[in-house]
Amino acid sequence: MGLTRCGKIVKYIMFALNFLMFLGGIGLLAYGSYIKNNNGLPILGILTIILEYVHLSFPWLLIMAAIICILVSFLGCCGAVKKFRGMLTMHFLLLLAMFIGVIVSGVLGYQYKQTIESAIVSQMEASLNSSYGVDDYVTRTWDTLQSTLRCCGVEGDENSTNSWSFYKTSTDWFKSQRGDPRYVPNSCCRYPGDLYNLTNCVGLRDRDRRQAPAGGPPVLHVPSMRNDQLFTKGCWTTLLNIVNNKIWIGMVMITLSTSLMLIGMILSVCLCKRIEEQIYEDEEERFQNLAM
């Protein structure tokens, strides 16, 4: 006796969901392998300046996640098609472990949010302090980050000593300059291709013998100390604003992924139960035939 119509529907839905998961795992594996073999990608550079050594493990994390997705989807597809309860049980257990892992990661991330942010800021400061202008890869990454996000320095607004003025107060790049020093690199400027605006932005003397930016962070109530050519907000602050404005996307993705995991676990249990009932019905029918 085969599965009932309801059992067949469950089987097909489970197969379709796991097949999509399998395709997603293949795509994630390809992307992780691509990143691993291309060390000059901007995303790895950004990871380098945000958290030290994370860029080395990031491709491997993607590859491991892809392998887990492929394994789970394979067990789900084969278990559904072949009606193997052992595969469906492993599929359920792996989904349960993934579900618990997502929940625990979210709780720990929220609990240690301040600690994580402090570690990121410290790493960005260290990177900008000792590597900018020395390490070409880090320098290019910072320039790309600043010009793309229209930011300068690490964190804070125009009155913070950790935003644009961090270059002047803390970096080896500033200390190693000769002659009239530039307060900030070209990537902190709105119009780096315009010589006059660039001169005003980085702090070199212009034709009127004025210097900009001012010696200290510009203050809001002193218009003469403002520099409208300069990005004055720190890059970590800008990134946080972007994340906070788009946090709903992450919440939707987490909700969707956990919901799919729950659905997968429910389908596994339902299909296992239906297969067990089918086996019992087949044995009962065989016993009745023998009795007759």
Protein backbone atom coordinates (compact mmCIF):
# COMPACT_ATOMS: atom_id res chain seq x y z
CA MET A 1 0.00 0.00 0.00
CA GLY A 2 1.40 3.40 -0.97
CA LEU A 3 1.13 6.72 0.79
CA THR A 4 -2.22 8.40 1.01
CA ARG A 5 -2.90 11.56 -0.95
CA CYS A 6 -2.01 13.67 2.10
CA GLY A 7 1.21 11.70 2.55
CA LYS A 8 2.15 12.22 -1.09
CA ILE A 9 1.53 15.97 -0.80
CA VAL A 10 3.81 16.10 2.24
CA LYS A 11 6.46 14.12 0.36
CA TYR A 12 6.38 16.40 -2.70
CA ILE A 13 6.44 19.59 -0.64
CA MET A 14 9.37 18.29 1.38
CA PHE A 15 11.24 17.26 -1.76
CA ALA A 16 10.66 20.68 -3.38
CA LEU A 17 11.84 22.63 -0.31
CA ASN A 18 14.95 20.50 0.08
CA PHE A 19 15.74 20.69 -3.61
CA LEU A 20 15.66 24.50 -3.41
CA MET A 21 17.89 24.28 -0.34
CA PHE A 22 20.25 22.03 -2.30
CA LEU A 23 20.52 24.60 -5.10
CA GLY A 24 21.13 27.34 -2.55
CA GLY A 25 23.89 25.26 -0.95
CA ILE A 26 25.55 24.76 -4.35
CA GLY A 27 25.45 28.52 -4.98
CA LEU A 28 26.86 29.26 -1.52
CA LEU A 29 29.63 26.71 -2.05
CA ALA A 30 30.56 28.30 -5.38
CA TYR A 31 30.61 31.79 -3.84
CA GLY A 32 32.71 30.65 -0.86
CA SER A 33 35.20 28.96 -3.18
CA TYR A 34 35.36 32.08 -5.36
CA ILE A 35 36.11 34.31 -2.36
CA LYS A 36 38.69 31.86 -1.05
CA ASN A 37 40.59 31.97 -4.36
CA ASN A 38 40.36 35.75 -4.80
CA ASN A 39 42.04 37.40 -1.84
CA GLY A 40 41.80 40.89 -3.34
CA LEU A 41 38.00 41.16 -3.18
CA PRO A 42 36.67 44.31 -1.44
CA ILE A 43 34.56 42.31 1.01
CA LEU A 44 37.66 40.57 2.37
CA GLY A 45 39.45 43.88 2.69
CA ILE A 46 36.56 45.34 4.69
CA LEU A 47 36.59 42.27 6.95
CA THR A 48 40.33 42.76 7.38
CA ILE A 49 39.94 46.25 8.80
CA ILE A 50 36.81 45.43 10.83
CA LEU A 51 37.96 42.28 12.62
CA GLU A 52 41.47 40.90 12.39
CA TYR A 53 41.80 37.43 10.85
CA VAL A 54 38.04 37.11 10.26
CA HIS A 55 38.66 37.50 6.53
CA LEU A 56 40.72 34.30 6.64
CA SER A 57 37.88 32.22 8.10
CA PHE A 58 34.98 33.89 6.28
CA PRO A 59 35.30 31.83 3.04
CA TRP A 60 35.61 28.65 5.08
CA LEU A 61 32.51 29.56 7.08
CA LEU A 62 30.59 29.96 3.82
CA ILE A 63 31.91 26.64 2.52
CA MET A 64 31.02 24.84 5.77
CA ALA A 65 27.53 26.36 5.75
CA ALA A 66 27.12 25.29 2.12
CA ILE A 67 28.21 21.70 2.89
CA ILE A 68 25.72 21.52 5.79
CA CYS A 69 22.93 22.84 3.55
CA ILE A 70 23.78 20.31 0.84
CA LEU A 71 23.92 17.45 3.35
CA VAL A 72 20.61 18.38 5.00
CA SER A 73 18.85 18.83 1.66
CA PHE A 74 20.27 15.54 0.36
CA LEU A 75 18.94 13.66 3.38
CA GLY A 76 15.58 15.39 3.03
CA CYS A 77 15.24 14.68 -0.70
CA CYS A 78 16.38 11.05 -0.52
CA GLY A 79 14.43 10.38 2.64
CA ALA A 80 11.27 11.76 1.06
CA VAL A 81 11.65 9.94 -2.27
CA LYS A 82 12.91 6.60 -0.91
CA LYS A 83 10.84 6.84 2.29
CA PHE A 84 13.83 6.05 4.53
CA ARG A 85 13.01 6.88 8.13
CA GLY A 86 16.70 6.92 9.09
CA MET A 87 17.45 9.70 6.60
CA LEU A 88 14.38 11.65 7.67
CA THR A 89 15.43 11.33 11.31
CA MET A 90 18.92 12.67 10.53
CA HIS A 91 17.32 15.44 8.48
CA PHE A 92 15.17 16.40 11.47
CA LEU A 93 18.10 16.35 13.91
CA LEU A 94 20.33 18.48 11.67
CA LEU A 95 17.56 21.02 11.14
CA LEU A 96 16.97 21.11 14.88
CA ALA A 97 20.68 21.76 15.51
CA MET A 98 20.69 24.55 12.89
CA PHE A 99 17.55 26.07 14.42
CA ILE A 100 19.05 26.05 17.92
CA GLY A 101 22.31 27.50 16.53
CA VAL A 102 20.50 30.44 14.90
CA ILE A 103 18.55 31.20 18.08
CA VAL A 104 21.62 30.95 20.33
CA SER A 105 23.70 33.11 17.96
CA GLY A 106 21.01 35.78 17.93
CA VAL A 107 20.74 35.82 21.72
CA LEU A 108 24.52 35.94 22.24
CA GLY A 109 24.92 38.61 19.57
CA TYR A 110 22.31 40.80 21.27
CA GLN A 111 23.76 40.16 24.74
CA TYR A 112 27.33 40.99 23.74
CA LYS A 113 26.50 43.72 21.25
CA GLN A 114 28.50 46.40 23.03
CA THR A 115 31.52 44.13 23.45
CA ILE A 116 31.47 43.22 19.75
CA GLU A 117 31.16 46.87 18.70
CA SER A 118 34.05 47.87 20.98
CA ALA A 119 36.23 45.13 19.49
CA ILE A 120 35.40 46.27 15.95
CA VAL A 121 36.15 49.92 16.73
CA SER A 122 39.46 48.97 18.37
CA GLN A 123 40.48 46.90 15.34
CA MET A 124 39.53 49.69 12.92
CA GLU A 125 41.55 52.19 14.96
CA ALA A 126 44.55 49.87 15.02
CA SER A 127 44.29 49.27 11.28
CA LEU A 128 44.03 52.96 10.45
CA ASN A 129 46.72 53.93 12.94
CA SER A 130 49.52 51.61 11.87
CA SER A 131 48.60 50.18 8.43
CA TYR A 132 47.11 53.05 6.44
CA GLY A 133 49.74 54.40 4.07
CA VAL A 134 52.02 51.45 4.89
CA ASP A 135 50.09 48.38 3.74
CA ASP A 136 48.84 48.92 0.17
CA TYR A 137 45.97 46.45 0.53
CA VAL A 138 44.67 48.04 3.74
CA THR A 139 45.13 51.51 2.28
CA ARG A 140 43.11 50.66 -0.85
CA THR A 141 40.41 49.09 1.28
CA TRP A 142 40.09 52.15 3.50
CA ASP A 143 40.02 54.43 0.46
CA THR A 144 37.29 52.31 -1.15
CA LEU A 145 35.28 52.22 2.07
CA GLN A 146 35.53 55.97 2.64
CA SER A 147 34.77 57.05 -0.90
CA THR A 148 31.88 54.58 -1.22
CA LEU A 149 30.20 55.29 2.13
CA ARG A 150 31.19 58.98 2.08
CA CYS A 151 32.81 58.71 5.49
CA CYS A 152 36.19 59.42 7.06
CA GLY A 153 37.96 57.82 9.98
CA VAL A 154 36.46 55.38 12.45
CA GLU A 155 33.43 56.61 14.40
CA GLY A 156 31.54 59.68 15.53
CA ASP A 157 30.51 62.87 13.78
CA GLU A 158 32.48 65.97 12.80
CA ASN A 159 33.23 66.88 16.42
CA SER A 160 34.64 63.47 17.29
CA THR A 161 38.36 62.85 17.60
CA ASN A 162 37.78 59.38 16.14
CA SER A 163 36.24 60.48 12.85
CA TRP A 164 38.17 62.59 10.29
CA SER A 165 40.54 64.06 12.88
CA PHE A 166 41.77 60.59 13.85
CA TYR A 167 44.16 60.81 10.89
CA LYS A 168 45.74 63.95 12.27
CA THR A 169 45.88 62.90 15.92
CA SER A 170 46.74 59.21 15.79
CA THR A 171 47.96 57.81 12.48
CA ASP A 172 51.48 57.03 11.34
CA TRP A 173 50.36 58.19 7.89
CA PHE A 174 50.07 61.79 9.13
CA LYS A 175 53.28 61.68 11.17
CA SER A 176 55.33 60.39 8.24
CA GLN A 177 54.44 63.31 5.93
CA ARG A 178 56.99 65.92 4.95
CA GLY A 179 56.36 69.58 4.18
CA ASP A 180 52.80 70.88 4.47
CA PRO A 181 50.90 67.89 5.84
CA ARG A 182 47.50 66.78 4.64
CA TYR A 183 45.04 66.27 7.48
CA VAL A 184 43.06 63.60 5.63
CA PRO A 185 43.58 61.45 2.51
CA ASN A 186 41.86 62.20 -0.80
CA SER A 187 39.26 59.48 -0.22
CA CYS A 188 37.74 61.59 2.57
CA CYS A 189 36.87 64.37 0.11
CA ARG A 190 33.65 64.97 -1.79
CA TYR A 191 35.39 66.10 -4.99
CA PRO A 192 38.87 64.51 -5.07
CA GLY A 193 39.19 65.25 -8.78
CA ASP A 194 38.84 69.01 -8.33
CA LEU A 195 42.20 70.48 -7.31
CA TYR A 196 40.80 73.58 -5.57
CA ASN A 197 38.20 71.65 -3.59
CA LEU A 198 40.73 68.93 -2.82
CA THR A 199 43.18 71.50 -1.49
CA ASN A 200 40.54 72.87 0.85
CA CYS A 201 39.47 69.39 1.93
CA VAL A 202 42.80 67.88 2.90
CA GLY A 203 44.10 70.99 4.63
CA LEU A 204 46.80 72.24 2.26
CA ARG A 205 47.12 76.00 1.89
CA ASP A 206 44.99 77.44 -0.90
CA ARG A 207 45.56 80.58 -2.95
CA ASP A 208 44.14 82.79 -0.15
CA ARG A 209 46.54 81.31 2.39
CA ARG A 210 43.68 79.75 4.33
CA GLN A 211 43.85 76.26 5.73
CA ALA A 212 41.06 73.75 5.95
CA PRO A 213 40.14 71.76 7.86
CA ALA A 214 40.85 73.71 11.00
CA GLY A 215 43.42 72.62 13.56
CA GLY A 216 40.83 70.79 15.62
CA PRO A 217 37.51 69.15 14.89
CA PRO A 218 35.05 71.65 13.35
CA VAL A 219 32.33 72.84 15.70
CA LEU A 220 28.76 73.44 14.62
CA HIS A 221 28.40 76.96 16.02
CA VAL A 222 31.54 78.34 14.32
CA PRO A 223 30.82 78.52 10.56
CA SER A 224 34.41 79.45 9.72
CA MET A 225 35.56 76.06 10.99
CA ARG A 226 33.18 74.09 8.78
CA ASN A 227 34.55 72.19 5.83
CA ASP A 228 31.86 71.32 3.29
CA GLN A 229 34.36 69.44 1.10
CA LEU A 230 35.14 66.85 3.78
CA PHE A 231 33.31 63.70 4.87
CA THR A 232 33.16 64.21 8.62
CA LYS A 233 31.25 61.14 9.84
CA GLY A 234 33.20 58.04 10.84
CA CYS A 235 32.89 54.87 8.74
CA TRP A 236 31.76 52.60 11.58
CA THR A 237 29.06 55.11 12.50
CA THR A 238 27.94 55.23 8.88
CA LEU A 239 27.88 51.43 8.65
CA LEU A 240 25.81 51.20 11.84
CA ASN A 241 23.32 53.72 10.47
CA ILE A 242 22.98 51.69 7.27
CA VAL A 243 22.51 48.47 9.24
CA ASN A 244 19.95 50.05 11.58
CA ASN A 245 18.00 51.45 8.64
CA LYS A 246 18.00 48.05 6.90
CA ILE A 247 17.67 45.89 10.00
CA TRP A 248 14.20 44.80 8.90
CA ILE A 249 15.80 42.93 5.99
CA GLY A 250 17.91 40.88 8.39
CA MET A 251 14.90 40.23 10.62
CA VAL A 252 12.86 39.05 7.63
CA MET A 253 15.67 36.73 6.51
CA ILE A 254 16.14 35.27 10.00
CA THR A 255 12.38 34.80 10.42
CA LEU A 256 12.11 33.19 6.98
CA SER A 257 15.05 30.83 7.55
CA THR A 258 13.86 29.73 11.00
CA SER A 259 10.32 29.28 9.68
CA LEU A 260 11.60 27.08 6.85
CA MET A 261 13.57 25.04 9.37
CA LEU A 262 10.47 24.56 11.50
CA ILE A 263 8.44 23.60 8.43
CA GLY A 264 11.15 21.13 7.41
CA MET A 265 11.15 19.54 10.88
CA ILE A 266 7.36 19.28 10.91
CA LEU A 267 7.34 17.70 7.46
CA SER A 268 10.03 15.21 8.51
CA VAL A 269 8.02 14.15 11.56
CA CYS A 270 4.78 13.92 9.56
CA LEU A 271 6.37 11.88 6.78
CA CYS A 272 8.12 9.56 9.25
CA LYS A 273 4.82 9.03 11.02
CA ARG A 274 3.03 8.32 7.77
CA ILE A 275 5.75 5.87 6.62
CA GLU A 276 5.53 4.09 9.96
CA GLU A 277 1.75 3.84 9.60
CA GLN A 278 2.18 2.55 6.05
CA ILE A 279 4.60 -0.14 7.22
CA TYR A 280 2.18 -1.16 9.96
CA GLU A 281 -0.74 -1.26 7.49
CA ASP A 282 1.30 -3.33 5.01
CA GLU A 283 2.26 -5.82 7.70
CA GLU A 284 -1.31 -6.05 8.92
CA GLU A 285 -2.57 -6.64 5.38
CA ARG A 286 0.11 -9.30 4.82
CA PHE A 287 -0.87 -11.03 8.06
CA GLN A 288 -4.56 -11.01 7.07
CA ASN A 289 -3.68 -12.51 3.65
CA LEU A 290 -1.69 -15.28 5.33
CA ALA A 291 -4.54 -15.96 7.75
CA MET A 292 -6.94 -16.35 4.89
